[in-house]
Amino acid sequence: MRVSWTEPALEDMAGIQAYIAKDSLYYAKQFIERIFEASEKLEDFPELGRNVPEAGDTENIRELLLQSYRIIYLYQTDHVYILAVIHASRDLAGMEHKPWAVG
Protein backbone atom coordinates (compact mmCIF):
# COMPACT_ATOMS: atom_id res chain seq x y z
CA MET A 1 0.00 0.00 0.00
CA ARG A 2 1.35 3.40 -0.93
CA VAL A 3 0.77 6.49 1.22
CA SER A 4 0.90 9.94 -0.41
CA TRP A 5 0.51 13.38 1.10
CA THR A 6 -1.61 15.95 -0.73
CA GLU A 7 -0.44 19.54 -0.99
CA PRO A 8 -3.19 20.83 1.37
CA ALA A 9 -2.14 18.26 4.00
CA LEU A 10 1.50 19.32 3.71
CA GLU A 11 0.41 22.94 4.10
CA ASP A 12 -1.48 21.93 7.24
CA MET A 13 1.70 20.33 8.58
CA ALA A 14 3.75 23.47 7.87
CA GLY A 15 1.19 25.55 9.76
CA ILE A 16 1.17 23.18 12.73
CA GLN A 17 4.95 23.16 12.86
CA ALA A 18 5.14 26.97 12.69
CA TYR A 19 2.56 27.31 15.45
CA ILE A 20 4.29 24.89 17.84
CA ALA A 21 7.72 26.33 16.96
CA LYS A 22 6.67 29.66 18.46
CA ASP A 23 7.15 27.95 21.81
CA SER A 24 9.66 25.22 20.98
CA LEU A 25 11.48 24.26 17.79
CA TYR A 26 12.36 20.93 19.37
CA TYR A 27 8.76 19.97 20.19
CA ALA A 28 7.54 21.22 16.83
CA LYS A 29 9.93 18.89 15.04
CA GLN A 30 9.09 15.98 17.36
CA PHE A 31 5.35 16.38 16.87
CA ILE A 32 5.59 16.58 13.08
CA GLU A 33 7.70 13.40 13.11
CA ARG A 34 5.02 11.67 15.19
CA ILE A 35 2.35 12.60 12.64
CA PHE A 36 4.44 11.21 9.78
CA GLU A 37 5.14 8.03 11.79
CA ALA A 38 1.43 7.56 12.47
CA SER A 39 0.65 7.90 8.77
CA GLU A 40 3.30 5.30 7.88
CA LYS A 41 1.25 2.67 9.73
CA LEU A 42 -1.37 3.06 7.00
CA GLU A 43 0.97 1.32 4.53
CA ASP A 44 0.23 -1.99 6.25
CA PHE A 45 -3.06 -1.17 7.97
CA PRO A 46 -5.05 1.27 5.77
CA GLU A 47 -8.27 0.65 7.69
CA LEU A 48 -6.61 1.47 11.01
CA GLY A 49 -8.43 4.78 11.35
CA ARG A 50 -12.08 5.30 12.08
CA ASN A 51 -14.65 6.63 9.63
CA VAL A 52 -14.92 10.41 9.64
CA PRO A 53 -18.36 11.14 11.12
CA GLU A 54 -18.80 14.35 9.08
CA ALA A 55 -18.25 12.41 5.83
CA GLY A 56 -21.52 10.53 6.27
CA ASP A 57 -21.67 7.05 4.77
CA THR A 58 -18.38 7.45 2.89
CA GLU A 59 -16.47 4.37 4.05
CA ASN A 60 -13.19 5.31 2.37
CA ILE A 61 -12.76 8.63 4.21
CA ARG A 62 -11.05 7.79 7.48
CA GLU A 63 -9.00 9.45 10.18
CA LEU A 64 -6.31 8.73 12.68
CA LEU A 65 -6.36 10.65 15.93
CA LEU A 66 -3.08 11.88 17.40
CA GLN A 67 -3.37 13.96 20.53
CA SER A 68 -5.62 16.86 19.50
CA TYR A 69 -5.21 16.38 15.74
CA ARG A 70 -7.16 14.50 13.11
CA ILE A 71 -5.19 12.99 10.22
CA ILE A 72 -7.85 12.67 7.54
CA TYR A 73 -7.20 10.33 4.63
CA LEU A 74 -8.78 8.72 1.59
CA TYR A 75 -8.37 4.95 1.43
CA GLN A 76 -8.46 3.32 -1.99
CA THR A 77 -7.65 -0.23 -3.09
CA ASP A 78 -3.90 0.26 -3.42
CA HIS A 79 -3.31 3.80 -2.23
CA VAL A 80 -3.86 6.07 0.77
CA TYR A 81 -3.97 9.84 0.30
CA ILE A 82 -3.48 12.04 3.36
CA LEU A 83 -5.98 14.84 2.77
CA ALA A 84 -5.67 17.06 5.85
CA VAL A 85 -4.30 17.36 9.35
CA ILE A 86 -6.58 19.54 11.44
CA HIS A 87 -6.96 20.36 15.09
CA ALA A 88 -9.89 18.53 16.65
CA SER A 89 -11.35 21.79 17.96
CA ARG A 90 -12.01 23.02 14.42
CA ASP A 91 -15.59 22.67 13.21
CA LEU A 92 -15.17 20.25 10.32
CA ALA A 93 -18.93 20.09 9.78
CA GLY A 94 -19.02 23.85 9.35
CA MET A 95 -16.10 24.05 6.91
CA GLU A 96 -17.15 25.34 3.51
CA HIS A 97 -14.73 23.05 1.66
CA LYS A 98 -14.40 19.62 3.19
CA PRO A 99 -10.96 17.99 2.83
CA TRP A 100 -12.48 15.08 0.88
CA ALA A 101 -14.57 17.24 -1.49
CA VAL A 102 -13.48 17.22 -5.13
CA GLY A 103 -13.22 20.57 -6.83
C-alpha atoms as a PDB file:
ATOM      1  CA  MET A   1       0.000   0.000   0.000  1.00  0.00           C
ATOM      2  CA  ARG A   2       1.350   3.402  -0.933  1.00  0.00           C
ATOM      3  CA  VAL A   3       0.768   6.494   1.223  1.00  0.00           C
ATOM      4  CA  SER A   4       0.901   9.937  -0.406  1.00  0.00           C
ATOM      5  CA  TRP A   5       0.506  13.378   1.096  1.00  0.00           C
ATOM      6  CA  THR A   6      -1.607  15.946  -0.729  1.00  0.00           C
ATOM      7  CA  GLU A   7      -0.443  19.540  -0.987  1.00  0.00           C
ATOM      8  CA  PRO A   8      -3.185  20.830   1.370  1.00  0.00           C
ATOM      9  CA  ALA A   9      -2.136  18.265   3.999  1.00  0.00           C
ATOM     10  CA  LEU A  10       1.505  19.320   3.708  1.00  0.00           C
ATOM     11  CA  GLU A  11       0.406  22.941   4.100  1.00  0.00           C
ATOM     12  CA  ASP A  12      -1.483  21.930   7.242  1.00  0.00           C
ATOM     13  CA  MET A  13       1.700  20.326   8.581  1.00  0.00           C
ATOM     14  CA  ALA A  14       3.745  23.465   7.873  1.00  0.00           C
ATOM     15  CA  GLY A  15       1.193  25.554   9.759  1.00  0.00           C
ATOM     16  CA  ILE A  16       1.173  23.184  12.726  1.00  0.00           C
ATOM     17  CA  GLN A  17       4.947  23.155  12.864  1.00  0.00           C
ATOM     18  CA  ALA A  18       5.143  26.967  12.689  1.00  0.00           C
ATOM     19  CA  TYR A  19       2.561  27.313  15.449  1.00  0.00           C
ATOM     20  CA  ILE A  20       4.292  24.891  17.839  1.00  0.00           C
ATOM     21  CA  ALA A  21       7.716  26.326  16.964  1.00  0.00           C
ATOM     22  CA  LYS A  22       6.665  29.661  18.460  1.00  0.00           C
ATOM     23  CA  ASP A  23       7.149  27.947  21.815  1.00  0.00           C
ATOM     24  CA  SER A  24       9.663  25.220  20.985  1.00  0.00           C
ATOM     25  CA  LEU A  25      11.480  24.265  17.790  1.00  0.00           C
ATOM     26  CA  TYR A  26      12.362  20.928  19.372  1.00  0.00           C
ATOM     27  CA  TYR A  27       8.764  19.965  20.192  1.00  0.00           C
ATOM     28  CA  ALA A  28       7.538  21.224  16.835  1.00  0.00           C
ATOM     29  CA  LYS A  29       9.929  18.887  15.038  1.00  0.00           C
ATOM     30  CA  GLN A  30       9.091  15.977  17.359  1.00  0.00           C
ATOM     31  CA  PHE A  31       5.353  16.384  16.872  1.00  0.00           C
ATOM     32  CA  ILE A  32       5.592  16.581  13.083  1.00  0.00           C
ATOM     33  CA  GLU A  33       7.696  13.404  13.107  1.00  0.00           C
ATOM     34  CA  ARG A  34       5.016  11.670  15.186  1.00  0.00           C
ATOM     35  CA  ILE A  35       2.353  12.605  12.635  1.00  0.00           C
ATOM     36  CA  PHE A  36       4.437  11.209   9.778  1.00  0.00           C
ATOM     37  CA  GLU A  37       5.143   8.031  11.785  1.00  0.00           C
ATOM     38  CA  ALA A  38       1.434   7.564  12.471  1.00  0.00           C
ATOM     39  CA  SER A  39       0.648   7.895   8.767  1.00  0.00           C
ATOM     40  CA  GLU A  40       3.298   5.299   7.877  1.00  0.00           C
ATOM     41  CA  LYS A  41       1.246   2.674   9.728  1.00  0.00           C
ATOM     42  CA  LEU A  42      -1.368   3.063   6.996  1.00  0.00           C
ATOM     43  CA  GLU A  43       0.968   1.318   4.533  1.00  0.00           C
ATOM     44  CA  ASP A  44       0.232  -1.986   6.252  1.00  0.00           C
ATOM     45  CA  PHE A  45      -3.059  -1.166   7.974  1.00  0.00           C
ATOM     46  CA  PRO A  46      -5.047   1.266   5.767  1.00  0.00           C
ATOM     47  CA  GLU A  47      -8.269   0.653   7.688  1.00  0.00           C
ATOM     48  CA  LEU A  48      -6.609   1.473  11.012  1.00  0.00           C
ATOM     49  CA  GLY A  49      -8.433   4.778  11.353  1.00  0.00           C
ATOM     50  CA  ARG A  50     -12.079   5.305  12.083  1.00  0.00           C
ATOM     51  CA  ASN A  51     -14.655   6.631   9.629  1.00  0.00           C
ATOM     52  CA  VAL A  52     -14.915  10.409   9.636  1.00  0.00           C
ATOM     53  CA  PRO A  53     -18.360  11.141  11.120  1.00  0.00           C
ATOM     54  CA  GLU A  54     -18.798  14.345   9.078  1.00  0.00           C
ATOM     55  CA  ALA A  55     -18.250  12.408   5.831  1.00  0.00           C
ATOM     56  CA  GLY A  56     -21.518  10.526   6.265  1.00  0.00           C
ATOM     57  CA  ASP A  57     -21.670   7.045   4.773  1.00  0.00           C
ATOM     58  CA  THR A  58     -18.379   7.447   2.892  1.00  0.00           C
ATOM     59  CA  GLU A  59     -16.469   4.366   4.051  1.00  0.00           C
ATOM     60  CA  ASN A  60     -13.192   5.313   2.374  1.00  0.00           C
ATOM     61  CA  ILE A  61     -12.760   8.632   4.205  1.00  0.00           C
ATOM     62  CA  ARG A  62     -11.049   7.786   7.483  1.00  0.00           C
ATOM     63  CA  GLU A  63      -9.004   9.449  10.179  1.00  0.00           C
ATOM     64  CA  LEU A  64      -6.306   8.730  12.685  1.00  0.00           C
ATOM     65  CA  LEU A  65      -6.355  10.651  15.933  1.00  0.00           C
ATOM     66  CA  LEU A  66      -3.082  11.879  17.395  1.00  0.00           C
ATOM     67  CA  GLN A  67      -3.368  13.964  20.532  1.00  0.00           C
ATOM     68  CA  SER A  68      -5.622  16.863  19.499  1.00  0.00           C
ATOM     69  CA  TYR A  69      -5.213  16.377  15.744  1.00  0.00           C
ATOM     70  CA  ARG A  70      -7.163  14.503  13.111  1.00  0.00           C
ATOM     71  CA  ILE A  71      -5.191  12.993  10.224  1.00  0.00           C
ATOM     72  CA  ILE A  72      -7.849  12.666   7.537  1.00  0.00           C
ATOM     73  CA  TYR A  73      -7.199  10.334   4.626  1.00  0.00           C
ATOM     74  CA  LEU A  74      -8.779   8.721   1.595  1.00  0.00           C
ATOM     75  CA  TYR A  75      -8.365   4.948   1.426  1.00  0.00           C
ATOM     76  CA  GLN A  76      -8.455   3.315  -1.994  1.00  0.00           C
ATOM     77  CA  THR A  77      -7.653  -0.228  -3.087  1.00  0.00           C
ATOM     78  CA  ASP A  78      -3.897   0.262  -3.420  1.00  0.00           C
ATOM     79  CA  HIS A  79      -3.312   3.805  -2.230  1.00  0.00           C
ATOM     80  CA  VAL A  80      -3.857   6.066   0.772  1.00  0.00           C
ATOM     81  CA  TYR A  81      -3.973   9.844   0.298  1.00  0.00           C
ATOM     82  CA  ILE A  82      -3.480  12.037   3.359  1.00  0.00           C
ATOM     83  CA  LEU A  83      -5.983  14.845   2.768  1.00  0.00           C
ATOM     84  CA  ALA A  84      -5.668  17.055   5.846  1.00  0.00           C
ATOM     85  CA  VAL A  85      -4.296  17.362   9.350  1.00  0.00           C
ATOM     86  CA  ILE A  86      -6.578  19.540  11.439  1.00  0.00           C
ATOM     87  CA  HIS A  87      -6.965  20.363  15.090  1.00  0.00           C
ATOM     88  CA  ALA A  88      -9.889  18.532  16.653  1.00  0.00           C
ATOM     89  CA  SER A  89     -11.352  21.792  17.965  1.00  0.00           C
ATOM     90  CA  ARG A  90     -12.010  23.017  14.421  1.00  0.00           C
ATOM     91  CA  ASP A  91     -15.587  22.667  13.214  1.00  0.00           C
ATOM     92  CA  LEU A  92     -15.165  20.254  10.324  1.00  0.00           C
ATOM     93  CA  ALA A  93     -18.927  20.088   9.785  1.00  0.00           C
ATOM     94  CA  GLY A  94     -19.022  23.854   9.346  1.00  0.00           C
ATOM     95  CA  MET A  95     -16.105  24.050   6.906  1.00  0.00           C
ATOM     96  CA  GLU A  96     -17.150  25.337   3.511  1.00  0.00           C
ATOM     97  CA  HIS A  97     -14.733  23.051   1.663  1.00  0.00           C
ATOM     98  CA  LYS A  98     -14.405  19.619   3.190  1.00  0.00           C
ATOM     99  CA  PRO A  99     -10.959  17.994   2.829  1.00  0.00           C
ATOM    100  CA  TRP A 100     -12.477  15.076   0.877  1.00  0.00           C
ATOM    101  CA  ALA A 101     -14.568  17.236  -1.489  1.00  0.00           C
ATOM    102  CA  VAL A 102     -13.475  17.224  -5.127  1.00  0.00           C
ATOM    103  CA  GLY A 103     -13.222  20.568  -6.830  1.00  0.00           C
END
